[in-house]
Amino acid sequence: MAQTQNPQRPVHEVRYGRVKAAVWENKTSGGTRHNVTVCRIYKDEASGNWRDSQSFGRDDLPLLAKVVDEAHTWIFREGD
């Protein structure tokens, strides 16, 4: 019988338009630490499915800076 795992979910997300930052909580022996992943969301024209990419175009960069800054602020408020 296959075991079903509950996928880990981010503890916080920041999204502006197509750009998203996800904050992940990691419990360590030294306390809780947070990591951040960022992605750009787009719709695949061939399949019609939503996908994500870690590649950002020129017009995405201001949004990328904003979501990363807000993720940073959230982590500091949480006491990391």
N, C-alpha and C. Protein backbone atom coordinates (compact mmCIF):
# COMPACT_ATOMS: atom_id res chain seq x y z
N MET A 1 0.84 -1.19 0.00
CA MET A 1 0.00 0.00 0.00
C MET A 1 0.88 1.24 0.00
N ALA A 2 0.61 2.16 -0.90
CA ALA A 2 1.40 3.39 -0.99
C ALA A 2 0.98 4.35 0.11
N GLN A 3 1.98 5.03 0.66
CA GLN A 3 1.69 6.00 1.70
C GLN A 3 1.41 7.36 1.04
N THR A 4 0.41 8.02 1.55
CA THR A 4 0.09 9.35 1.06
C THR A 4 0.73 10.36 1.99
N GLN A 5 1.52 11.27 1.42
CA GLN A 5 2.16 12.29 2.22
C GLN A 5 1.40 13.60 2.05
N ASN A 6 1.31 14.35 3.13
CA ASN A 6 0.74 15.67 3.05
C ASN A 6 1.84 16.62 2.60
N PRO A 7 1.68 17.24 1.45
CA PRO A 7 2.74 18.14 0.99
C PRO A 7 2.86 19.34 1.93
N GLN A 8 4.09 19.77 2.14
CA GLN A 8 4.32 20.94 2.98
C GLN A 8 3.77 22.16 2.26
N ARG A 9 3.13 23.03 2.98
CA ARG A 9 2.57 24.25 2.43
C ARG A 9 3.37 25.44 2.95
N PRO A 10 3.48 26.50 2.17
CA PRO A 10 4.15 27.70 2.67
C PRO A 10 3.37 28.29 3.84
N VAL A 11 4.10 28.94 4.75
CA VAL A 11 3.44 29.58 5.88
C VAL A 11 2.94 30.97 5.52
N HIS A 12 3.42 31.49 4.39
CA HIS A 12 2.97 32.81 3.93
C HIS A 12 3.27 32.93 2.44
N GLU A 13 2.42 33.64 1.72
CA GLU A 13 2.63 33.92 0.31
C GLU A 13 2.38 35.39 0.03
N VAL A 14 3.17 35.93 -0.88
CA VAL A 14 2.98 37.29 -1.36
C VAL A 14 2.88 37.20 -2.88
N ARG A 15 1.85 37.82 -3.45
CA ARG A 15 1.69 37.75 -4.90
C ARG A 15 1.26 39.10 -5.44
N TYR A 16 1.96 39.51 -6.50
CA TYR A 16 1.59 40.69 -7.27
C TYR A 16 1.54 40.26 -8.73
N GLY A 17 0.35 40.30 -9.29
CA GLY A 17 0.21 39.88 -10.68
C GLY A 17 0.66 38.45 -10.87
N ARG A 18 1.61 38.26 -11.77
CA ARG A 18 2.09 36.92 -12.09
C ARG A 18 3.29 36.48 -11.25
N VAL A 19 3.76 37.35 -10.35
CA VAL A 19 4.97 37.05 -9.58
C VAL A 19 4.58 36.72 -8.14
N LYS A 20 5.13 35.61 -7.64
CA LYS A 20 4.75 35.12 -6.31
C LYS A 20 5.99 34.72 -5.51
N ALA A 21 5.97 35.05 -4.22
CA ALA A 21 6.99 34.58 -3.27
C ALA A 21 6.29 33.72 -2.24
N ALA A 22 6.88 32.58 -1.93
CA ALA A 22 6.34 31.68 -0.91
C ALA A 22 7.37 31.57 0.22
N VAL A 23 6.92 31.74 1.45
CA VAL A 23 7.79 31.64 2.63
C VAL A 23 7.57 30.27 3.25
N TRP A 24 8.67 29.55 3.44
CA TRP A 24 8.64 28.19 3.99
C TRP A 24 9.26 28.18 5.37
N GLU A 25 8.66 27.46 6.29
CA GLU A 25 9.16 27.35 7.67
C GLU A 25 9.95 26.06 7.82
N ASN A 26 11.14 26.18 8.40
CA ASN A 26 11.99 25.03 8.66
C ASN A 26 12.37 25.02 10.14
N LYS A 27 11.94 24.01 10.83
CA LYS A 27 12.28 23.87 12.25
C LYS A 27 13.64 23.18 12.34
N THR A 28 14.57 23.80 13.06
CA THR A 28 15.90 23.23 13.25
C THR A 28 16.22 23.18 14.73
N SER A 29 17.32 22.52 15.06
CA SER A 29 17.72 22.48 16.48
C SER A 29 18.08 23.87 16.99
N GLY A 30 18.42 24.77 16.09
CA GLY A 30 18.74 26.15 16.48
C GLY A 30 17.54 27.08 16.45
N GLY A 31 16.37 26.54 16.18
CA GLY A 31 15.16 27.37 16.14
C GLY A 31 14.52 27.32 14.76
N THR A 32 13.51 28.11 14.59
CA THR A 32 12.78 28.16 13.32
C THR A 32 13.50 29.08 12.35
N ARG A 33 13.65 28.63 11.13
CA ARG A 33 14.24 29.42 10.05
C ARG A 33 13.24 29.46 8.90
N HIS A 34 13.36 30.51 8.11
CA HIS A 34 12.47 30.66 6.97
C HIS A 34 13.28 30.75 5.69
N ASN A 35 12.78 30.14 4.64
CA ASN A 35 13.34 30.24 3.30
C ASN A 35 12.26 30.77 2.37
N VAL A 36 12.68 31.37 1.27
CA VAL A 36 11.74 31.96 0.33
C VAL A 36 12.02 31.42 -1.08
N THR A 37 10.96 31.02 -1.76
CA THR A 37 11.05 30.67 -3.17
C THR A 37 10.22 31.67 -3.95
N VAL A 38 10.65 31.97 -5.17
CA VAL A 38 9.91 32.91 -6.02
C VAL A 38 9.64 32.27 -7.37
N CYS A 39 8.53 32.65 -7.97
CA CYS A 39 8.21 32.13 -9.29
C CYS A 39 7.33 33.13 -10.05
N ARG A 40 7.29 32.91 -11.35
CA ARG A 40 6.40 33.67 -12.24
C ARG A 40 5.38 32.67 -12.76
N ILE A 41 4.12 33.02 -12.66
CA ILE A 41 3.03 32.14 -13.07
C ILE A 41 2.61 32.51 -14.49
N TYR A 42 2.39 31.49 -15.34
CA TYR A 42 1.95 31.74 -16.71
C TYR A 42 1.07 30.59 -17.17
N LYS A 43 0.28 30.87 -18.19
CA LYS A 43 -0.60 29.85 -18.76
C LYS A 43 0.05 29.30 -20.03
N ASP A 44 0.26 28.00 -20.06
CA ASP A 44 0.84 27.32 -21.21
C ASP A 44 -0.16 27.37 -22.36
N GLU A 45 0.23 28.02 -23.44
CA GLU A 45 -0.70 28.18 -24.57
C GLU A 45 -1.07 26.85 -25.21
N ALA A 46 -0.12 25.92 -25.26
CA ALA A 46 -0.38 24.63 -25.93
C ALA A 46 -1.38 23.78 -25.16
N SER A 47 -1.21 23.70 -23.84
CA SER A 47 -2.07 22.82 -23.04
C SER A 47 -3.21 23.55 -22.34
N GLY A 48 -3.04 24.87 -22.16
CA GLY A 48 -4.04 25.63 -21.42
C GLY A 48 -3.88 25.51 -19.91
N ASN A 49 -2.84 24.79 -19.45
CA ASN A 49 -2.60 24.60 -18.02
C ASN A 49 -1.74 25.73 -17.46
N TRP A 50 -1.94 26.01 -16.17
CA TRP A 50 -1.11 27.00 -15.49
C TRP A 50 0.20 26.34 -15.08
N ARG A 51 1.29 27.06 -15.28
CA ARG A 51 2.63 26.58 -14.94
C ARG A 51 3.37 27.68 -14.19
N ASP A 52 4.54 27.35 -13.67
CA ASP A 52 5.37 28.39 -13.08
C ASP A 52 6.80 28.26 -13.57
N SER A 53 7.51 29.36 -13.49
CA SER A 53 8.88 29.44 -13.97
C SER A 53 9.71 30.25 -12.99
N GLN A 54 10.99 29.99 -12.95
CA GLN A 54 11.91 30.77 -12.12
C GLN A 54 12.66 31.78 -12.99
N SER A 55 12.17 32.02 -14.18
CA SER A 55 12.75 32.98 -15.11
C SER A 55 11.86 34.22 -15.14
N PHE A 56 12.50 35.38 -15.11
CA PHE A 56 11.75 36.64 -15.03
C PHE A 56 12.18 37.58 -16.15
N GLY A 57 11.22 38.21 -16.77
CA GLY A 57 11.50 39.20 -17.80
C GLY A 57 11.70 40.57 -17.20
N ARG A 58 12.08 41.50 -18.05
CA ARG A 58 12.34 42.88 -17.62
C ARG A 58 11.15 43.48 -16.86
N ASP A 59 9.95 43.28 -17.37
CA ASP A 59 8.77 43.89 -16.74
C ASP A 59 8.36 43.19 -15.46
N ASP A 60 8.90 42.00 -15.22
CA ASP A 60 8.60 41.27 -13.98
C ASP A 60 9.48 41.75 -12.82
N LEU A 61 10.62 42.36 -13.11
CA LEU A 61 11.60 42.67 -12.07
C LEU A 61 11.10 43.61 -10.98
N PRO A 62 10.34 44.67 -11.29
CA PRO A 62 9.81 45.49 -10.19
C PRO A 62 8.88 44.70 -9.26
N LEU A 63 8.06 43.81 -9.84
CA LEU A 63 7.18 42.98 -9.01
C LEU A 63 7.98 41.98 -8.20
N LEU A 64 9.03 41.43 -8.79
CA LEU A 64 9.90 40.50 -8.07
C LEU A 64 10.52 41.19 -6.86
N ALA A 65 11.02 42.40 -7.05
CA ALA A 65 11.61 43.15 -5.94
C ALA A 65 10.58 43.39 -4.84
N LYS A 66 9.36 43.70 -5.23
CA LYS A 66 8.30 44.00 -4.26
C LYS A 66 7.91 42.75 -3.46
N VAL A 67 7.72 41.61 -4.12
CA VAL A 67 7.31 40.41 -3.38
C VAL A 67 8.44 39.92 -2.46
N VAL A 68 9.68 40.04 -2.91
CA VAL A 68 10.81 39.63 -2.06
C VAL A 68 10.92 40.55 -0.85
N ASP A 69 10.74 41.86 -1.05
CA ASP A 69 10.79 42.80 0.07
C ASP A 69 9.69 42.51 1.08
N GLU A 70 8.48 42.24 0.61
CA GLU A 70 7.38 41.95 1.53
C GLU A 70 7.58 40.62 2.25
N ALA A 71 8.15 39.62 1.57
CA ALA A 71 8.46 38.35 2.24
C ALA A 71 9.49 38.59 3.34
N HIS A 72 10.49 39.39 3.06
CA HIS A 72 11.53 39.74 4.04
C HIS A 72 10.91 40.42 5.26
N THR A 73 10.03 41.38 5.02
CA THR A 73 9.35 42.08 6.12
C THR A 73 8.54 41.11 6.96
N TRP A 74 7.81 40.20 6.32
CA TRP A 74 7.00 39.23 7.06
C TRP A 74 7.88 38.34 7.94
N ILE A 75 9.01 37.88 7.41
CA ILE A 75 9.91 37.02 8.18
C ILE A 75 10.43 37.77 9.40
N PHE A 76 10.81 39.02 9.25
CA PHE A 76 11.31 39.80 10.40
C PHE A 76 10.22 40.01 11.44
N ARG A 77 8.99 40.20 11.01
CA ARG A 77 7.89 40.36 11.97
C ARG A 77 7.63 39.06 12.73
N GLU A 78 7.90 37.93 12.08
CA GLU A 78 7.71 36.63 12.73
C GLU A 78 8.86 36.29 13.67
N GLY A 79 9.94 37.06 13.63
CA GLY A 79 11.02 36.87 14.59
C GLY A 79 12.12 35.92 14.17
N ASP A 80 12.33 35.73 12.86
CA ASP A 80 13.39 34.83 12.39
C ASP A 80 14.74 35.51 12.50
